[in-house]
PDB file of N, CA and C in Angstrom:
ATOM      1  N   MET A   1      86.141  83.429 125.956  1.00  0.00           N
ATOM      2  CA  MET A   1      86.623  84.768 125.788  1.00  0.00           C
ATOM      3  C   MET A   1      87.152  85.255 127.141  1.00  0.00           C
ATOM      4  N   ILE A   2      88.343  85.800 127.111  1.00  0.00           N
ATOM      5  CA  ILE A   2      88.986  86.290 128.326  1.00  0.00           C
ATOM      6  C   ILE A   2      89.138  87.796 128.194  1.00  0.00           C
ATOM      7  N   LYS A   3      88.629  88.539 129.177  1.00  0.00           N
ATOM      8  CA  LYS A   3      88.616  89.998 129.090  1.00  0.00           C
ATOM      9  C   LYS A   3      89.393  90.630 130.232  1.00  0.00           C
ATOM     10  N   GLY A   4      89.705  91.894 130.050  1.00  0.00           N
ATOM     11  CA  GLY A   4      90.240  92.733 131.109  1.00  0.00           C
ATOM     12  C   GLY A   4      91.620  92.364 131.595  1.00  0.00           C
ATOM     13  N   LYS A   5      91.771  92.473 132.899  1.00  0.00           N
ATOM     14  CA  LYS A   5      93.082  92.254 133.527  1.00  0.00           C
ATOM     15  C   LYS A   5      93.574  90.825 133.340  1.00  0.00           C
ATOM     16  N   ALA A   6      92.670  89.858 133.303  1.00  0.00           N
ATOM     17  CA  ALA A   6      93.087  88.468 133.096  1.00  0.00           C
ATOM     18  C   ALA A   6      93.745  88.318 131.731  1.00  0.00           C
ATOM     19  N   ALA A   7      93.177  88.947 130.711  1.00  0.00           N
ATOM     20  CA  ALA A   7      93.778  88.902 129.377  1.00  0.00           C
ATOM     21  C   ALA A   7      95.117  89.613 129.369  1.00  0.00           C
ATOM     22  N   ASP A   8      95.215  90.731 130.092  1.00  0.00           N
ATOM     23  CA  ASP A   8      96.490  91.453 130.183  1.00  0.00           C
ATOM     24  C   ASP A   8      97.572  90.576 130.799  1.00  0.00           C
ATOM     25  N   ILE A   9      97.217  89.876 131.862  1.00  0.00           N
ATOM     26  CA  ILE A   9      98.191  89.013 132.541  1.00  0.00           C
ATOM     27  C   ILE A   9      98.603  87.861 131.637  1.00  0.00           C
ATOM     28  N   ILE A  10      97.659  87.267 130.930  1.00  0.00           N
ATOM     29  CA  ILE A  10      97.988  86.174 130.008  1.00  0.00           C
ATOM     30  C   ILE A  10      98.924  86.670 128.911  1.00  0.00           C
ATOM     31  N   ILE A  11      98.675  87.859 128.391  1.00  0.00           N
ATOM     32  CA  ILE A  11      99.528  88.415 127.335  1.00  0.00           C
ATOM     33  C   ILE A  11     100.933  88.675 127.863  1.00  0.00           C
ATOM     34  N   VAL A  12     101.043  89.232 129.061  1.00  0.00           N
ATOM     35  CA  VAL A  12     102.358  89.486 129.649  1.00  0.00           C
ATOM     36  C   VAL A  12     103.109  88.177 129.862  1.00  0.00           C
ATOM     37  N   LEU A  13     102.423  87.173 130.385  1.00  0.00           N
ATOM     38  CA  LEU A  13     103.075  85.870 130.588  1.00  0.00           C
ATOM     39  C   LEU A  13     103.505  85.250 129.264  1.00  0.00           C
ATOM     40  N   TYR A  14     102.672  85.389 128.223  1.00  0.00           N
ATOM     41  CA  TYR A  14     103.016  84.861 126.911  1.00  0.00           C
ATOM     42  C   TYR A  14     104.246  85.561 126.345  1.00  0.00           C
ATOM     43  N   ILE A  15     104.307  86.872 126.489  1.00  0.00           N
ATOM     44  CA  ILE A  15     105.463  87.619 125.982  1.00  0.00           C
ATOM     45  C   ILE A  15     106.719  87.250 126.758  1.00  0.00           C
ATOM     46  N   MET A  16     106.600  87.084 128.071  1.00  0.00           N
ATOM     47  CA  MET A  16     107.763  86.678 128.869  1.00  0.00           C
ATOM     48  C   MET A  16     108.227  85.272 128.481  1.00  0.00           C
ATOM     49  N   ALA A  17     107.300  84.364 128.260  1.00  0.00           N
ATOM     50  CA  ALA A  17     107.663  83.012 127.837  1.00  0.00           C
ATOM     51  C   ALA A  17     108.301  83.027 126.450  1.00  0.00           C
ATOM     52  N   THR A  18     107.776  83.877 125.569  1.00  0.00           N
ATOM     53  CA  THR A  18     108.339  84.006 124.231  1.00  0.00           C
ATOM     54  C   THR A  18     109.782  84.501 124.297  1.00  0.00           C
ATOM     55  N   LEU A  19     110.023  85.513 125.121  1.00  0.00           N
ATOM     56  CA  LEU A  19     111.386  86.020 125.272  1.00  0.00           C
ATOM     57  C   LEU A  19     112.312  84.971 125.872  1.00  0.00           C
ATOM     58  N   TYR A  20     111.807  84.213 126.843  1.00  0.00           N
ATOM     59  CA  TYR A  20     112.612  83.150 127.448  1.00  0.00           C
ATOM     60  C   TYR A  20     113.008  82.105 126.402  1.00  0.00           C
ATOM     61  N   VAL A  21     112.038  81.697 125.586  1.00  0.00           N
ATOM     62  CA  VAL A  21     112.335  80.718 124.525  1.00  0.00           C
ATOM     63  C   VAL A  21     113.324  81.302 123.532  1.00  0.00           C
ATOM     64  N   ARG A  22     113.141  82.578 123.163  1.00  0.00           N
ATOM     65  CA  ARG A  22     114.053  83.208 122.221  1.00  0.00           C
ATOM     66  C   ARG A  22     115.478  83.241 122.770  1.00  0.00           C
ATOM     67  N   PHE A  23     115.630  83.566 124.066  1.00  0.00           N
ATOM     68  CA  PHE A  23     116.965  83.607 124.657  1.00  0.00           C
ATOM     69  C   PHE A  23     117.598  82.224 124.727  1.00  0.00           C
ATOM     70  N   LEU A  24     116.788  81.194 124.881  1.00  0.00           N
ATOM     71  CA  LEU A  24     117.329  79.836 124.901  1.00  0.00           C
ATOM     72  C   LEU A  24     117.723  79.353 123.505  1.00  0.00           C
ATOM     73  N   VAL A  25     116.943  79.725 122.500  1.00  0.00           N
ATOM     74  CA  VAL A  25     117.137  79.215 121.142  1.00  0.00           C
ATOM     75  C   VAL A  25     118.128  80.050 120.339  1.00  0.00           C
ATOM     76  N   GLU A  26     118.255  81.340 120.635  1.00  0.00           N
ATOM     77  CA  GLU A  26     119.088  82.232 119.843  1.00  0.00           C
ATOM     78  C   GLU A  26     120.538  81.759 119.670  1.00  0.00           C
ATOM     79  N   PRO A  27     121.214  81.281 120.708  1.00  0.00           N
ATOM     80  CA  PRO A  27     122.605  80.854 120.496  1.00  0.00           C
ATOM     81  C   PRO A  27     122.753  79.743 119.448  1.00  0.00           C
ATOM     82  N   SER A  28     121.769  78.888 119.333  1.00  0.00           N
ATOM     83  CA  SER A  28     121.867  77.810 118.349  1.00  0.00           C
ATOM     84  C   SER A  28     121.505  78.280 116.944  1.00  0.00           C
ATOM     85  N   LEU A  29     120.880  79.454 116.827  1.00  0.00           N
ATOM     86  CA  LEU A  29     120.473  79.981 115.519  1.00  0.00           C
ATOM     87  C   LEU A  29     121.363  81.130 115.054  1.00  0.00           C
ATOM     88  N   ILE A  30     122.561  81.212 115.568  1.00  0.00           N
ATOM     89  CA  ILE A  30     123.426  82.344 115.250  1.00  0.00           C
ATOM     90  C   ILE A  30     123.775  82.409 113.761  1.00  0.00           C
ATOM     91  N   ASP A  31     123.813  81.286 113.074  1.00  0.00           N
ATOM     92  CA  ASP A  31     124.116  81.258 111.641  1.00  0.00           C
ATOM     93  C   ASP A  31     122.856  81.268 110.778  1.00  0.00           C
ATOM     94  N   HIS A  32     121.693  81.329 111.400  1.00  0.00           N
ATOM     95  CA  HIS A  32     120.421  81.265 110.673  1.00  0.00           C
ATOM     96  C   HIS A  32     119.502  82.423 111.086  1.00  0.00           C
ATOM     97  N   PRO A  33     119.793  83.636 110.628  1.00  0.00           N
ATOM     98  CA  PRO A  33     118.986  84.780 111.082  1.00  0.00           C
ATOM     99  C   PRO A  33     117.539  84.746 110.592  1.00  0.00           C
ATOM    100  N   PHE A  34     117.293  84.170 109.420  1.00  0.00           N
ATOM    101  CA  PHE A  34     115.923  84.137 108.906  1.00  0.00           C
ATOM    102  C   PHE A  34     115.036  83.192 109.709  1.00  0.00           C
ATOM    103  N   ILE A  35     115.603  82.118 110.220  1.00  0.00           N
ATOM    104  CA  ILE A  35     114.838  81.212 111.078  1.00  0.00           C
ATOM    105  C   ILE A  35     114.493  81.919 112.384  1.00  0.00           C
ATOM    106  N   SER A  36     115.438  82.685 112.903  1.00  0.00           N
ATOM    107  CA  SER A  36     115.208  83.439 114.121  1.00  0.00           C
ATOM    108  C   SER A  36     114.101  84.476 113.915  1.00  0.00           C
ATOM    109  N   LEU A  37     114.140  85.194 112.810  1.00  0.00           N
ATOM    110  CA  LEU A  37     113.098  86.174 112.505  1.00  0.00           C
ATOM    111  C   LEU A  37     111.740  85.505 112.319  1.00  0.00           C
ATOM    112  N   ALA A  38     111.728  84.378 111.633  1.00  0.00           N
ATOM    113  CA  ALA A  38     110.474  83.652 111.412  1.00  0.00           C
ATOM    114  C   ALA A  38     109.890  83.163 112.729  1.00  0.00           C
ATOM    115  N   LEU A  39     110.739  82.690 113.629  1.00  0.00           N
ATOM    116  CA  LEU A  39     110.275  82.228 114.942  1.00  0.00           C
ATOM    117  C   LEU A  39     109.618  83.375 115.710  1.00  0.00           C
ATOM    118  N   GLY A  40     110.251  84.523 115.734  1.00  0.00           N
ATOM    119  CA  GLY A  40     109.668  85.680 116.410  1.00  0.00           C
ATOM    120  C   GLY A  40     108.378  86.121 115.759  1.00  0.00           C
ATOM    121  N   PHE A  41     108.334  86.120 114.431  1.00  0.00           N
ATOM    122  CA  PHE A  41     107.134  86.517 113.706  1.00  0.00           C
ATOM    123  C   PHE A  41     105.968  85.584 114.006  1.00  0.00           C
ATOM    124  N   VAL A  42     106.212  84.294 114.018  1.00  0.00           N
ATOM    125  CA  VAL A  42     105.150  83.313 114.280  1.00  0.00           C
ATOM    126  C   VAL A  42     104.623  83.469 115.708  1.00  0.00           C
ATOM    127  N   MET A  43     105.509  83.698 116.653  1.00  0.00           N
ATOM    128  CA  MET A  43     105.055  83.859 118.036  1.00  0.00           C
ATOM    129  C   MET A  43     104.196  85.112 118.191  1.00  0.00           C
ATOM    130  N   LEU A  44     104.562  86.207 117.521  1.00  0.00           N
ATOM    131  CA  LEU A  44     103.739  87.412 117.562  1.00  0.00           C
ATOM    132  C   LEU A  44     102.437  87.219 116.797  1.00  0.00           C
ATOM    133  N   LEU A  45     102.483  86.463 115.717  1.00  0.00           N
ATOM    134  CA  LEU A  45     101.283  86.196 114.928  1.00  0.00           C
ATOM    135  C   LEU A  45     100.251  85.416 115.733  1.00  0.00           C
ATOM    136  N   ILE A  46     100.693  84.493 116.549  1.00  0.00           N
ATOM    137  CA  ILE A  46      99.780  83.727 117.401  1.00  0.00           C
ATOM    138  C   ILE A  46      99.068  84.663 118.369  1.00  0.00           C
ATOM    139  N   LEU A  47      99.829  85.551 119.010  1.00  0.00           N
ATOM    140  CA  LEU A  47      99.230  86.504 119.945  1.00  0.00           C
ATOM    141  C   LEU A  47      98.265  87.441 119.236  1.00  0.00           C
ATOM    142  N   TRP A  48      98.666  87.954 118.089  1.00  0.00           N
ATOM    143  CA  TRP A  48      97.810  88.859 117.320  1.00  0.00           C
ATOM    144  C   TRP A  48      96.512  88.165 116.920  1.00  0.00           C
ATOM    145  N   SER A  49      96.602  86.910 116.492  1.00  0.00           N
ATOM    146  CA  SER A  49      95.391  86.204 116.049  1.00  0.00           C
ATOM    147  C   SER A  49      94.434  85.950 117.212  1.00  0.00           C
ATOM    148  N   LEU A  50      94.957  85.675 118.406  1.00  0.00           N
ATOM    149  CA  LEU A  50      94.091  85.486 119.569  1.00  0.00           C
ATOM    150  C   LEU A  50      93.345  86.772 119.922  1.00  0.00           C
ATOM    151  N   ILE A  51      94.013  87.911 119.741  1.00  0.00           N
ATOM    152  CA  ILE A  51      93.350  89.191 119.999  1.00  0.00           C
ATOM    153  C   ILE A  51      92.371  89.516 118.874  1.00  0.00           C
ATOM    154  N   LYS A  52      92.751  89.224 117.645  1.00  0.00           N
ATOM    155  CA  LYS A  52      91.919  89.554 116.484  1.00  0.00           C
ATOM    156  C   LYS A  52      90.594  88.787 116.481  1.00  0.00           C
ATOM    157  N   VAL A  53      90.607  87.515 116.857  1.00  0.00           N
ATOM    158  CA  VAL A  53      89.368  86.725 116.866  1.00  0.00           C
ATOM    159  C   VAL A  53      88.586  86.921 118.168  1.00  0.00           C
ATOM    160  N   LYS A  54      89.055  87.865 118.993  1.00  0.00           N
ATOM    161  CA  LYS A  54      88.380  88.233 120.249  1.00  0.00           C
ATOM    162  C   LYS A  54      88.394  87.122 121.290  1.00  0.00           C
ATOM    163  N   PHE A  55      89.370  86.208 121.204  1.00  0.00           N
ATOM    164  CA  PHE A  55      89.534  85.231 122.279  1.00  0.00           C
ATOM    165  C   PHE A  55      90.124  85.934 123.500  1.00  0.00           C
ATOM    166  N   LEU A  56      91.069  86.829 123.239  1.00  0.00           N
ATOM    167  CA  LEU A  56      91.617  87.685 124.290  1.00  0.00           C
ATOM    168  C   LEU A  56      91.158  89.112 124.010  1.00  0.00           C
ATOM    169  N   GLU A  57      90.596  89.748 125.015  1.00  0.00           N
ATOM    170  CA  GLU A  57      90.194  91.148 124.880  1.00  0.00           C
ATOM    171  C   GLU A  57      90.901  91.942 125.969  1.00  0.00           C
ATOM    172  N   PRO A  58      92.147  92.349 125.695  1.00  0.00           N
ATOM    173  CA  PRO A  58      92.935  93.023 126.726  1.00  0.00           C
ATOM    174  C   PRO A  58      92.434  94.430 127.019  1.00  0.00           C
ATOM    175  N   ASP A  59      92.724  94.865 128.227  1.00  0.00           N
ATOM    176  CA  ASP A  59      92.387  96.212 128.680  1.00  0.00           C
ATOM    177  C   ASP A  59      93.625  97.110 128.584  1.00  0.00           C
ATOM    178  N   TYR A  60      94.758  96.543 128.266  1.00  0.00           N
ATOM    179  CA  TYR A  60      96.046  97.243 128.165  1.00  0.00           C
ATOM    180  C   TYR A  60      96.356  97.986 129.454  1.00  0.00           C
ATOM    181  N   PHE A  61      95.988  97.374 130.575  1.00  0.00           N
ATOM    182  CA  PHE A  61      96.218  97.899 131.921  1.00  0.00           C
ATOM    183  C   PHE A  61      95.657  99.301 132.093  1.00  0.00           C
ATOM    184  N   GLY A  62      94.610  99.632 131.331  1.00  0.00           N
ATOM    185  CA  GLY A  62      93.941 100.914 131.443  1.00  0.00           C
ATOM    186  C   GLY A  62      94.702 102.077 130.818  1.00  0.00           C
ATOM    187  N   LEU A  63      95.715 101.801 130.004  1.00  0.00           N
ATOM    188  CA  LEU A  63      96.524 102.868 129.425  1.00  0.00           C
ATOM    189  C   LEU A  63      95.874 103.531 128.226  1.00  0.00           C
ATOM    190  N   LEU A  64      95.049 102.819 127.491  1.00  0.00           N
ATOM    191  CA  LEU A  64      94.399 103.386 126.309  1.00  0.00           C
ATOM    192  C   LEU A  64      92.973 103.776 126.654  1.00  0.00           C
ATOM    193  N   SER A  65      92.514 104.845 126.046  1.00  0.00           N
ATOM    194  CA  SER A  65      91.141 105.264 126.289  1.00  0.00           C
ATOM    195  C   SER A  65      90.178 104.322 125.565  1.00  0.00           C
ATOM    196  N   LYS A  66      89.028 104.128 126.146  1.00  0.00           N
ATOM    197  CA  LYS A  66      88.051 103.216 125.565  1.00  0.00           C
ATOM    198  C   LYS A  66      87.314 103.886 124.411  1.00  0.00           C
ATOM    199  N   LYS A  67      86.932 103.088 123.416  1.00  0.00           N
ATOM    200  CA  LYS A  67      86.166 103.598 122.272  1.00  0.00           C
ATOM    201  C   LYS A  67      84.726 103.864 122.706  1.00  0.00           C
ATOM    202  N   LYS A  68      84.144 104.888 122.146  1.00  0.00           N
ATOM    203  CA  LYS A  68      82.756 105.222 122.507  1.00  0.00           C
ATOM    204  C   LYS A  68      81.802 104.720 121.470  1.00  0.00           C
TER     205      LYS A  68
END
């Protein structure tokens, strides 16, 4: 389980890598918009599932108030 700022940094790096891959792959998928949408959905689903199963517990850089 990764918590706090380390989880925030991992999430930011994952999102940046996802965008980099999308920018590399998008020109080849110009005639296939559903494949492009599915690729983005799957990449977000992976991140969501890591947060949902509590493998990553982000602090959101302290922007959200903590639950009591």
